PDB file of N, CA and C in Angstrom:
ATOM      1  N   MET A   1      43.628  84.225 131.556  1.00  0.00           N
ATOM      2  CA  MET A   1      44.198  83.380 130.388  1.00  0.00           C
ATOM      3  C   MET A   1      44.472  82.577 129.939  1.00  0.00           C
ATOM      4  N   ASP A   2      43.488  81.251 129.029  1.00  0.00           N
ATOM      5  CA  ASP A   2      44.056  80.395 129.151  1.00  0.00           C
ATOM      6  C   ASP A   2      44.130  79.448 127.193  1.00  0.00           C
ATOM      7  N   ASN A   3      45.653  79.028 127.546  1.00  0.00           N
ATOM      8  CA  ASN A   3      45.756  79.028 126.206  1.00  0.00           C
ATOM      9  C   ASN A   3      45.841  77.094 125.497  1.00  0.00           C
ATOM     10  N   LYS A   4      44.791  76.559 124.748  1.00  0.00           N
ATOM     11  CA  LYS A   4      45.454  74.774 124.643  1.00  0.00           C
ATOM     12  C   LYS A   4      46.476  74.740 123.787  1.00  0.00           C
ATOM     13  N   GLN A   5      47.653  74.193 123.883  1.00  0.00           N
ATOM     14  CA  GLN A   5      49.176  74.245 123.021  1.00  0.00           C
ATOM     15  C   GLN A   5      49.382  72.233 123.131  1.00  0.00           C
ATOM     16  N   ASN A   6      48.851  71.629 121.901  1.00  0.00           N
ATOM     17  CA  ASN A   6      49.514  70.253 122.208  1.00  0.00           C
ATOM     18  C   ASN A   6      48.766  69.408 123.255  1.00  0.00           C
ATOM     19  N   GLY A   7      47.558  70.207 124.020  1.00  0.00           N
ATOM     20  CA  GLY A   7      47.160  68.650 124.685  1.00  0.00           C
ATOM     21  C   GLY A   7      47.020  69.759 125.674  1.00  0.00           C
ATOM     22  N   GLN A   8      48.213  70.715 125.951  1.00  0.00           N
ATOM     23  CA  GLN A   8      48.383  71.189 127.794  1.00  0.00           C
ATOM     24  C   GLN A   8      46.991  72.508 127.400  1.00  0.00           C
ATOM     25  N   GLN A   9      47.729  72.755 129.310  1.00  0.00           N
ATOM     26  CA  GLN A   9      46.822  74.288 128.715  1.00  0.00           C
ATOM     27  C   GLN A   9      48.173  74.935 130.052  1.00  0.00           C
ATOM     28  N   LEU A  10      47.809  76.975 128.889  1.00  0.00           N
ATOM     29  CA  LEU A  10      48.839  77.035 129.496  1.00  0.00           C
ATOM     30  C   LEU A  10      48.069  78.337 130.626  1.00  0.00           C
ATOM     31  N   GLN A  11      48.617  78.955 131.644  1.00  0.00           N
ATOM     32  CA  GLN A  11      48.353  79.315 132.664  1.00  0.00           C
ATOM     33  C   GLN A  11      48.845  81.120 132.423  1.00  0.00           C
ATOM     34  N   ILE A  12      48.228  81.821 132.606  1.00  0.00           N
ATOM     35  CA  ILE A  12      48.963  83.175 132.225  1.00  0.00           C
ATOM     36  C   ILE A  12      48.439  84.556 133.140  1.00  0.00           C
ATOM     37  N   GLU A  13      49.855  84.777 133.836  1.00  0.00           N
ATOM     38  CA  GLU A  13      48.680  85.391 135.346  1.00  0.00           C
ATOM     39  C   GLU A  13      49.430  87.061 134.850  1.00  0.00           C
ATOM     40  N   ILE A  14      47.958  87.834 135.104  1.00  0.00           N
ATOM     41  CA  ILE A  14      49.001  89.358 135.424  1.00  0.00           C
ATOM     42  C   ILE A  14      49.165  89.928 136.492  1.00  0.00           C
ATOM     43  N   LYS A  15      50.125  90.575 137.045  1.00  0.00           N
ATOM     44  CA  LYS A  15      50.223  90.804 138.295  1.00  0.00           C
ATOM     45  C   LYS A  15      49.426  92.645 138.466  1.00  0.00           C
ATOM     46  N   PRO A  16      48.534  93.432 139.212  1.00  0.00           N
ATOM     47  CA  PRO A  16      48.208  93.833 139.062  1.00  0.00           C
ATOM     48  C   PRO A  16      49.210  95.743 138.724  1.00  0.00           C
ATOM     49  N   ASP A  17      50.053  95.444 138.707  1.00  0.00           N
ATOM     50  CA  ASP A  17      50.779  96.746 138.983  1.00  0.00           C
ATOM     51  C   ASP A  17      50.771  96.300 137.144  1.00  0.00           C
ATOM     52  N   VAL A  18      51.862  95.521 137.086  1.00  0.00           N
ATOM     53  CA  VAL A  18      51.365  94.883 135.423  1.00  0.00           C
ATOM     54  C   VAL A  18      49.857  95.124 134.564  1.00  0.00           C
ATOM     55  N   ALA A  19      48.788  94.746 134.800  1.00  0.00           N
ATOM     56  CA  ALA A  19      47.268  95.298 134.494  1.00  0.00           C
ATOM     57  C   ALA A  19      46.548  96.806 134.315  1.00  0.00           C
ATOM     58  N   GLN A  20      47.857  97.862 135.046  1.00  0.00           N
ATOM     59  CA  GLN A  20      47.610  99.109 134.595  1.00  0.00           C
ATOM     60  C   GLN A  20      48.332  99.436 133.149  1.00  0.00           C
ATOM     61  N   GLY A  21      48.905  98.663 132.771  1.00  0.00           N
ATOM     62  CA  GLY A  21      49.248  99.363 131.609  1.00  0.00           C
ATOM     63  C   GLY A  21      50.640 100.371 131.917  1.00  0.00           C
ATOM     64  N   VAL A  22      51.844 100.739 130.412  1.00  0.00           N
ATOM     65  CA  VAL A  22      51.540 101.960 130.774  1.00  0.00           C
ATOM     66  C   VAL A  22      51.865 102.784 129.682  1.00  0.00           C
ATOM     67  N   TYR A  23      51.387 104.317 129.335  1.00  0.00           N
ATOM     68  CA  TYR A  23      51.581 104.565 128.272  1.00  0.00           C
ATOM     69  C   TYR A  23      52.141 104.741 127.464  1.00  0.00           C
ATOM     70  N   SER A  24      52.256 104.662 126.457  1.00  0.00           N
ATOM     71  CA  SER A  24      53.560 105.211 124.986  1.00  0.00           C
ATOM     72  C   SER A  24      52.427 106.057 123.848  1.00  0.00           C
ATOM     73  N   ASN A  25      52.934 106.933 123.500  1.00  0.00           N
ATOM     74  CA  ASN A  25      52.997 107.392 122.386  1.00  0.00           C
ATOM     75  C   ASN A  25      54.046 107.402 121.004  1.00  0.00           C
ATOM     76  N   LEU A  26      55.367 106.922 121.504  1.00  0.00           N
ATOM     77  CA  LEU A  26      56.189 106.300 120.553  1.00  0.00           C
ATOM     78  C   LEU A  26      56.407 104.678 121.015  1.00  0.00           C
ATOM     79  N   VAL A  27      57.192 104.618 120.030  1.00  0.00           N
ATOM     80  CA  VAL A  27      58.224 103.448 119.783  1.00  0.00           C
ATOM     81  C   VAL A  27      59.050 103.185 118.858  1.00  0.00           C
ATOM     82  N   ALA A  28      60.640 103.765 119.132  1.00  0.00           N
ATOM     83  CA  ALA A  28      61.477 102.795 118.157  1.00  0.00           C
ATOM     84  C   ALA A  28      61.899 101.785 118.723  1.00  0.00           C
ATOM     85  N   ILE A  29      62.736 101.384 117.133  1.00  0.00           N
ATOM     86  CA  ILE A  29      62.363 100.099 116.693  1.00  0.00           C
ATOM     87  C   ILE A  29      64.108 100.154 116.221  1.00  0.00           C
ATOM     88  N   THR A  30      64.394  98.265 116.704  1.00  0.00           N
ATOM     89  CA  THR A  30      66.401  98.687 116.296  1.00  0.00           C
ATOM     90  C   THR A  30      66.186  97.108 116.039  1.00  0.00           C
ATOM     91  N   HIS A  31      67.524  96.753 115.592  1.00  0.00           N
ATOM     92  CA  HIS A  31      66.986  95.044 115.656  1.00  0.00           C
ATOM     93  C   HIS A  31      68.955  94.818 115.262  1.00  0.00           C
ATOM     94  N   SER A  32      68.791  93.741 115.074  1.00  0.00           N
ATOM     95  CA  SER A  32      69.839  93.178 114.910  1.00  0.00           C
ATOM     96  C   SER A  32      70.026  91.642 114.832  1.00  0.00           C
ATOM     97  N   SER A  33      70.797  90.694 114.119  1.00  0.00           N
ATOM     98  CA  SER A  33      70.832  89.580 113.962  1.00  0.00           C
ATOM     99  C   SER A  33      70.097  88.953 114.237  1.00  0.00           C
ATOM    100  N   SER A  34      69.906  88.963 115.432  1.00  0.00           N
ATOM    101  CA  SER A  34      69.571  87.882 116.643  1.00  0.00           C
ATOM    102  C   SER A  34      67.845  88.515 117.674  1.00  0.00           C
ATOM    103  N   GLU A  35      67.830  89.921 117.446  1.00  0.00           N
ATOM    104  CA  GLU A  35      67.011  90.603 118.252  1.00  0.00           C
ATOM    105  C   GLU A  35      66.593  91.463 118.131  1.00  0.00           C
ATOM    106  N   VAL A  36      65.543  91.952 117.982  1.00  0.00           N
ATOM    107  CA  VAL A  36      64.406  93.041 117.872  1.00  0.00           C
ATOM    108  C   VAL A  36      64.652  93.635 119.365  1.00  0.00           C
ATOM    109  N   ILE A  37      64.088  94.772 119.025  1.00  0.00           N
ATOM    110  CA  ILE A  37      63.947  95.730 119.944  1.00  0.00           C
ATOM    111  C   ILE A  37      63.256  96.835 120.118  1.00  0.00           C
ATOM    112  N   LEU A  38      62.120  97.128 120.913  1.00  0.00           N
ATOM    113  CA  LEU A  38      60.927  97.680 120.719  1.00  0.00           C
ATOM    114  C   LEU A  38      60.800  99.042 122.150  1.00  0.00           C
ATOM    115  N   ASP A  39      60.928  99.830 121.989  1.00  0.00           N
ATOM    116  CA  ASP A  39      61.306 101.038 123.097  1.00  0.00           C
ATOM    117  C   ASP A  39      60.425 101.849 123.064  1.00  0.00           C
ATOM    118  N   PHE A  40      59.635 101.087 124.089  1.00  0.00           N
ATOM    119  CA  PHE A  40      58.263 102.189 124.328  1.00  0.00           C
ATOM    120  C   PHE A  40      58.332 103.528 124.969  1.00  0.00           C
ATOM    121  N   ILE A  41      57.576 104.733 124.447  1.00  0.00           N
ATOM    122  CA  ILE A  41      58.565 106.043 125.143  1.00  0.00           C
ATOM    123  C   ILE A  41      57.227 106.856 125.540  1.00  0.00           C
ATOM    124  N   SER A  42      57.282 107.954 125.873  1.00  0.00           N
ATOM    125  CA  SER A  42      56.377 108.639 126.567  1.00  0.00           C
ATOM    126  C   SER A  42      57.063 109.925 126.662  1.00  0.00           C
ATOM    127  N   MET A  43      56.446 110.430 125.258  1.00  0.00           N
ATOM    128  CA  MET A  43      56.741 111.506 124.925  1.00  0.00           C
ATOM    129  C   MET A  43      55.818 113.274 124.618  1.00  0.00           C
ATOM    130  N   MET A  44      55.861 114.336 126.188  1.00  0.00           N
ATOM    131  CA  MET A  44      55.271 115.041 125.958  1.00  0.00           C
ATOM    132  C   MET A  44      55.982 116.311 125.216  1.00  0.00           C
ATOM    133  N   PRO A  45      54.724 116.640 124.327  1.00  0.00           N
ATOM    134  CA  PRO A  45      54.266 117.706 122.707  1.00  0.00           C
ATOM    135  C   PRO A  45      54.817 118.989 123.834  1.00  0.00           C
ATOM    136  N   GLY A  46      55.862 119.205 123.449  1.00  0.00           N
ATOM    137  CA  GLY A  46      56.511 121.155 123.691  1.00  0.00           C
ATOM    138  C   GLY A  46      57.971 120.348 124.343  1.00  0.00           C
ATOM    139  N   MET A  47      58.256 119.611 124.197  1.00  0.00           N
ATOM    140  CA  MET A  47      58.945 118.661 125.551  1.00  0.00           C
ATOM    141  C   MET A  47      59.977 118.313 125.082  1.00  0.00           C
ATOM    142  N   PRO A  48      60.892 119.312 125.370  1.00  0.00           N
ATOM    143  CA  PRO A  48      62.840 118.252 124.362  1.00  0.00           C
ATOM    144  C   PRO A  48      62.790 116.833 125.160  1.00  0.00           C
ATOM    145  N   LYS A  49      62.879 116.711 126.343  1.00  0.00           N
ATOM    146  CA  LYS A  49      62.831 115.306 126.370  1.00  0.00           C
ATOM    147  C   LYS A  49      62.129 114.089 126.655  1.00  0.00           C
ATOM    148  N   ALA A  50      62.380 113.182 125.777  1.00  0.00           N
ATOM    149  CA  ALA A  50      61.608 112.171 126.098  1.00  0.00           C
ATOM    150  C   ALA A  50      62.050 110.373 127.274  1.00  0.00           C
ATOM    151  N   GLU A  51      61.083 109.839 127.563  1.00  0.00           N
ATOM    152  CA  GLU A  51      61.725 108.637 128.402  1.00  0.00           C
ATOM    153  C   GLU A  51      61.389 107.718 128.262  1.00  0.00           C
ATOM    154  N   VAL A  52      61.788 106.552 128.143  1.00  0.00           N
ATOM    155  CA  VAL A  52      60.952 105.166 127.452  1.00  0.00           C
ATOM    156  C   VAL A  52      60.942 104.849 128.590  1.00  0.00           C
ATOM    157  N   LYS A  53      59.707 104.289 128.513  1.00  0.00           N
ATOM    158  CA  LYS A  53      59.128 103.465 129.434  1.00  0.00           C
ATOM    159  C   LYS A  53      59.002 102.402 129.668  1.00  0.00           C
ATOM    160  N   SER A  54      59.119 101.205 128.741  1.00  0.00           N
ATOM    161  CA  SER A  54      59.876 100.206 128.846  1.00  0.00           C
ATOM    162  C   SER A  54      60.287 100.063 126.933  1.00  0.00           C
ATOM    163  N   ARG A  55      61.589  98.553 127.524  1.00  0.00           N
ATOM    164  CA  ARG A  55      62.245  97.977 126.882  1.00  0.00           C
ATOM    165  C   ARG A  55      61.178  96.276 126.508  1.00  0.00           C
ATOM    166  N   ILE A  56      61.120  96.242 125.426  1.00  0.00           N
ATOM    167  CA  ILE A  56      60.973  94.604 124.609  1.00  0.00           C
ATOM    168  C   ILE A  56      61.389  94.086 123.903  1.00  0.00           C
ATOM    169  N   VAL A  57      62.188  92.812 124.597  1.00  0.00           N
ATOM    170  CA  VAL A  57      63.406  92.290 123.038  1.00  0.00           C
ATOM    171  C   VAL A  57      62.942  91.185 122.927  1.00  0.00           C
ATOM    172  N   MET A  58      62.924  90.720 121.371  1.00  0.00           N
ATOM    173  CA  MET A  58      62.533  89.411 121.669  1.00  0.00           C
ATOM    174  C   MET A  58      62.828  88.572 120.392  1.00  0.00           C
ATOM    175  N   ALA A  59      63.429  87.741 120.280  1.00  0.00           N
ATOM    176  CA  ALA A  59      63.198  87.057 118.570  1.00  0.00           C
ATOM    177  C   ALA A  59      62.530  88.152 117.161  1.00  0.00           C
ATOM    178  N   PRO A  60      63.196  87.923 115.799  1.00  0.00           N
ATOM    179  CA  PRO A  60      63.311  88.383 114.807  1.00  0.00           C
ATOM    180  C   PRO A  60      61.492  87.952 114.827  1.00  0.00           C
ATOM    181  N   GLU A  61      61.455  86.163 114.887  1.00  0.00           N
ATOM    182  CA  GLU A  61      60.180  85.138 115.054  1.00  0.00           C
ATOM    183  C   GLU A  61      59.603  85.801 115.666  1.00  0.00           C
ATOM    184  N   HIS A  62      59.340  86.069 116.299  1.00  0.00           N
ATOM    185  CA  HIS A  62      58.474  86.210 117.658  1.00  0.00           C
ATOM    186  C   HIS A  62      57.772  87.812 117.196  1.00  0.00           C
ATOM    187  N   ALA A  63      58.494  88.792 117.061  1.00  0.00           N
ATOM    188  CA  ALA A  63      58.856  89.749 115.878  1.00  0.00           C
ATOM    189  C   ALA A  63      57.156  90.072 114.843  1.00  0.00           C
ATOM    190  N   LYS A  64      57.780  88.829 114.040  1.00  0.00           N
ATOM    191  CA  LYS A  64      57.133  89.213 112.576  1.00  0.00           C
ATOM    192  C   LYS A  64      55.854  87.991 113.117  1.00  0.00           C
ATOM    193  N   ARG A  65      55.824  87.161 114.324  1.00  0.00           N
ATOM    194  CA  ARG A  65      54.648  86.972 114.444  1.00  0.00           C
ATOM    195  C   ARG A  65      53.739  87.750 115.160  1.00  0.00           C
ATOM    196  N   LEU A  66      54.456  88.986 116.518  1.00  0.00           N
ATOM    197  CA  LEU A  66      53.223  89.978 116.661  1.00  0.00           C
ATOM    198  C   LEU A  66      52.668  91.246 115.417  1.00  0.00           C
ATOM    199  N   LEU A  67      53.740  91.259 114.539  1.00  0.00           N
ATOM    200  CA  LEU A  67      53.341  91.804 113.809  1.00  0.00           C
ATOM    201  C   LEU A  67      51.699  91.326 112.746  1.00  0.00           C
ATOM    202  N   ALA A  68      52.053  90.000 112.387  1.00  0.00           N
ATOM    203  CA  ALA A  68      50.874  89.604 111.931  1.00  0.00           C
ATOM    204  C   ALA A  68      49.676  89.711 112.673  1.00  0.00           C
ATOM    205  N   ALA A  69      50.144  89.332 114.186  1.00  0.00           N
ATOM    206  CA  ALA A  69      48.708  89.342 115.137  1.00  0.00           C
ATOM    207  C   ALA A  69      48.491  90.883 115.822  1.00  0.00           C
ATOM    208  N   LEU A  70      49.042  92.126 115.142  1.00  0.00           N
ATOM    209  CA  LEU A  70      48.487  93.105 115.163  1.00  0.00           C
ATOM    210  C   LEU A  70      47.954  93.545 114.119  1.00  0.00           C
ATOM    211  N   GLY A  71      48.090  93.121 113.118  1.00  0.00           N
ATOM    212  CA  GLY A  71      47.371  93.363 111.916  1.00  0.00           C
ATOM    213  C   GLY A  71      46.114  93.144 111.394  1.00  0.00           C
ATOM    214  N   ASP A  72      46.045  91.659 112.339  1.00  0.00           N
ATOM    215  CA  ASP A  72      45.200  91.554 112.716  1.00  0.00           C
ATOM    216  C   ASP A  72      44.207  91.205 113.086  1.00  0.00           C
ATOM    217  N   ASN A  73      44.500  92.698 114.572  1.00  0.00           N
ATOM    218  CA  ASN A  73      43.794  93.076 115.795  1.00  0.00           C
ATOM    219  C   ASN A  73      43.361  94.074 114.865  1.00  0.00           C
ATOM    220  N   ILE A  74      43.930  95.095 114.028  1.00  0.00           N
ATOM    221  CA  ILE A  74      43.846  96.311 113.847  1.00  0.00           C
ATOM    222  C   ILE A  74      42.214  95.846 112.377  1.00  0.00           C
ATOM    223  N   ARG A  75      42.749  95.215 111.963  1.00  0.00           N
ATOM    224  CA  ARG A  75      41.516  95.007 111.063  1.00  0.00           C
ATOM    225  C   ARG A  75      40.569  94.567 111.720  1.00  0.00           C
ATOM    226  N   LYS A  76      39.963  94.117 112.979  1.00  0.00           N
ATOM    227  CA  LYS A  76      38.962  93.439 113.372  1.00  0.00           C
ATOM    228  C   LYS A  76      38.603  94.679 114.179  1.00  0.00           C
ATOM    229  N   TYR A  77      39.308  95.323 114.313  1.00  0.00           N
ATOM    230  CA  TYR A  77      39.501  97.053 115.804  1.00  0.00           C
ATOM    231  C   TYR A  77      38.226  97.684 113.922  1.00  0.00           C
ATOM    232  N   GLU A  78      38.530  98.137 112.913  1.00  0.00           N
ATOM    233  CA  GLU A  78      38.181  98.888 112.079  1.00  0.00           C
ATOM    234  C   GLU A  78      37.072  97.958 111.772  1.00  0.00           C
ATOM    235  N   ASN A  79      36.909  96.857 111.004  1.00  0.00           N
ATOM    236  CA  ASN A  79      36.053  96.142 110.608  1.00  0.00           C
ATOM    237  C   ASN A  79      34.704  96.938 112.065  1.00  0.00           C
ATOM    238  N   GLN A  80      34.736  96.367 113.370  1.00  0.00           N
ATOM    239  CA  GLN A  80      33.981  96.661 114.180  1.00  0.00           C
ATOM    240  C   GLN A  80      33.661  98.508 114.248  1.00  0.00           C
ATOM    241  N   PHE A  81      34.840  99.799 114.760  1.00  0.00           N
ATOM    242  CA  PHE A  81      34.685 100.635 114.972  1.00  0.00           C
ATOM    243  C   PHE A  81      35.130 101.989 114.065  1.00  0.00           C
ATOM    244  N   GLY A  82      35.715 101.324 112.636  1.00  0.00           N
ATOM    245  CA  GLY A  82      35.404 102.374 111.331  1.00  0.00           C
ATOM    246  C   GLY A  82      37.168 102.140 111.712  1.00  0.00           C
ATOM    247  N   GLU A  83      37.344 102.942 110.217  1.00  0.00           N
ATOM    248  CA  GLU A  83      38.798 102.810 109.900  1.00  0.00           C
ATOM    249  C   GLU A  83      39.877 103.940 110.513  1.00  0.00           C
ATOM    250  N   ILE A  84      41.049 103.491 111.401  1.00  0.00           N
ATOM    251  CA  ILE A  84      41.994 104.738 111.689  1.00  0.00           C
ATOM    252  C   ILE A  84      42.118 105.425 111.125  1.00  0.00           C
ATOM    253  N   SER A  85      42.512 107.045 111.044  1.00  0.00           N
ATOM    254  CA  SER A  85      42.205 107.981 109.956  1.00  0.00           C
ATOM    255  C   SER A  85      44.137 107.834 110.773  1.00  0.00           C
ATOM    256  N   ILE A  86      45.255 107.934 110.340  1.00  0.00           N
ATOM    257  CA  ILE A  86      46.284 108.911 110.517  1.00  0.00           C
ATOM    258  C   ILE A  86      46.782 109.900 109.533  1.00  0.00           C
ATOM    259  N   ARG A  87      47.017 111.552 110.360  1.00  0.00           N
ATOM    260  CA  ARG A  87      46.869 112.476 109.341  1.00  0.00           C
ATOM    261  C   ARG A  87      47.570 113.077 109.220  1.00  0.00           C
ATOM    262  N   GLN A  88      49.150 112.592 109.222  1.00  0.00           N
ATOM    263  CA  GLN A  88      50.405 112.832 108.961  1.00  0.00           C
ATOM    264  C   GLN A  88      50.447 111.586 107.527  1.00  0.00           C
ATOM    265  N   ALA A  89      50.990 112.160 106.946  1.00  0.00           N
ATOM    266  CA  ALA A  89      52.354 111.054 105.925  1.00  0.00           C
ATOM    267  C   ALA A  89      53.118 110.362 106.775  1.00  0.00           C
ATOM    268  N   GLN A  90      53.451 109.191 105.483  1.00  0.00           N
ATOM    269  CA  GLN A  90      54.200 108.132 106.688  1.00  0.00           C
ATOM    270  C   GLN A  90      55.226 108.589 107.239  1.00  0.00           C
ATOM    271  N   PRO A  91      55.996 108.251 107.520  1.00  0.00           N
ATOM    272  CA  PRO A  91      57.455 108.616 108.384  1.00  0.00           C
ATOM    273  C   PRO A  91      58.605 108.753 106.859  1.00  0.00           C
ATOM    274  N   ARG A  92      59.587 109.813 106.557  1.00  0.00           N
ATOM    275  CA  ARG A  92      60.716 108.894 105.997  1.00  0.00           C
ATOM    276  C   ARG A  92      61.264 107.682 106.645  1.00  0.00           C
ATOM    277  N   PRO A  93      62.093 106.627 105.750  1.00  0.00           N
ATOM    278  CA  PRO A  93      63.160 106.163 106.026  1.00  0.00           C
ATOM    279  C   PRO A  93      64.264 106.918 107.800  1.00  0.00           C
ATOM    280  N   GLY A  94      63.920 105.818 108.157  1.00  0.00           N
ATOM    281  CA  GLY A  94      65.177 106.463 110.217  1.00  0.00           C
ATOM    282  C   GLY A  94      64.418 106.879 110.746  1.00  0.00           C
ATOM    283  N   SER A  95      62.852 107.727 110.303  1.00  0.00           N
ATOM    284  CA  SER A  95      62.494 108.080 111.530  1.00  0.00           C
ATOM    285  C   SER A  95      61.451 106.986 112.378  1.00  0.00           C
ATOM    286  N   THR A  96      60.977 107.518 113.668  1.00  0.00           N
ATOM    287  CA  THR A  96      59.945 107.599 114.187  1.00  0.00           C
ATOM    288  C   THR A  96      58.477 107.502 113.405  1.00  0.00           C
ATOM    289  N   ILE A  97      57.958 106.113 113.780  1.00  0.00           N
ATOM    290  CA  ILE A  97      56.262 106.090 113.579  1.00  0.00           C
ATOM    291  C   ILE A  97      55.739 107.198 115.019  1.00  0.00           C
ATOM    292  N   ALA A  98      55.460 108.439 115.022  1.00  0.00           N
ATOM    293  CA  ALA A  98      54.539 108.999 116.143  1.00  0.00           C
ATOM    294  C   ALA A  98      54.423 110.430 115.699  1.00  0.00           C
ATOM    295  N   PRO A  99      53.368 111.120 115.849  1.00  0.00           N
ATOM    296  CA  PRO A  99      52.595 112.131 115.685  1.00  0.00           C
ATOM    297  C   PRO A  99      53.858 113.735 116.489  1.00  0.00           C
ATOM    298  N   PHE A 100      55.294 113.282 116.041  1.00  0.00           N
ATOM    299  CA  PHE A 100      55.814 114.635 116.328  1.00  0.00           C
ATOM    300  C   PHE A 100      56.588 114.750 114.938  1.00  0.00           C
ATOM    301  N   ASN A 101      57.534 115.911 115.132  1.00  0.00           N
ATOM    302  CA  ASN A 101      58.072 116.101 113.534  1.00  0.00           C
ATOM    303  C   ASN A 101      59.663 115.611 114.513  1.00  0.00           C
ATOM    304  N   ILE A 102      60.086 114.037 114.730  1.00  0.00           N
ATOM    305  CA  ILE A 102      61.682 114.080 115.177  1.00  0.00           C
ATOM    306  C   ILE A 102      62.097 113.245 114.167  1.00  0.00           C
ATOM    307  N   ASN A 103      63.635 112.757 114.402  1.00  0.00           N
ATOM    308  CA  ASN A 103      64.257 111.937 113.626  1.00  0.00           C
ATOM    309  C   ASN A 103      65.082 110.817 114.823  1.00  0.00           C
ATOM    310  N   ASN A 104      65.095 109.545 114.622  1.00  0.00           N
ATOM    311  CA  ASN A 104      65.546 109.050 115.421  1.00  0.00           C
ATOM    312  C   ASN A 104      66.983 108.287 114.968  1.00  0.00           C
ATOM    313  N   GLN A 105      67.933 108.879 113.644  1.00  0.00           N
ATOM    314  CA  GLN A 105      69.501 109.112 114.050  1.00  0.00           C
ATOM    315  C   GLN A 105      69.730 108.930 114.484  1.00  0.00           C
ATOM    316  N   GLY A 106      71.336 108.562 115.486  1.00  0.00           N
ATOM    317  CA  GLY A 106      71.918 109.397 116.893  1.00  0.00           C
ATOM    318  C   GLY A 106      71.563 109.168 117.788  1.00  0.00           C
ATOM    319  N   GLU A 107      69.946 107.653 118.191  1.00  0.00           N
ATOM    320  CA  GLU A 107      69.772 107.472 119.169  1.00  0.00           C
ATOM    321  C   GLU A 107      70.159 106.128 118.922  1.00  0.00           C
ATOM    322  N   ALA A 108      70.735 105.870 120.613  1.00  0.00           N
ATOM    323  CA  ALA A 108      71.412 104.980 120.370  1.00  0.00           C
ATOM    324  C   ALA A 108      70.393 103.562 120.689  1.00  0.00           C
TER     325      ALA A 108
END
């Protein structure tokens, strides 16, 4: 993948073990004044324990850019494949966005 920026070419390499990806069906998001932390979690229905599979730490500016890029890609996806329906009501403040009835208050 190449990206031209200020006349320079950026080459991005992805190693095979990273290219396989990591499945996540739950994301816990926390922040401080200087960073946003996304914990990608794999949770199995009916299991009392979930495992963080990957943690991404980024500056708030990058998180906002990620939000815009994700929104743009969701719009493109829905234009091509139709609207993505969410079967549950939006979660309460302080809860996670997942198809599980859990609350992340008290998580570290």
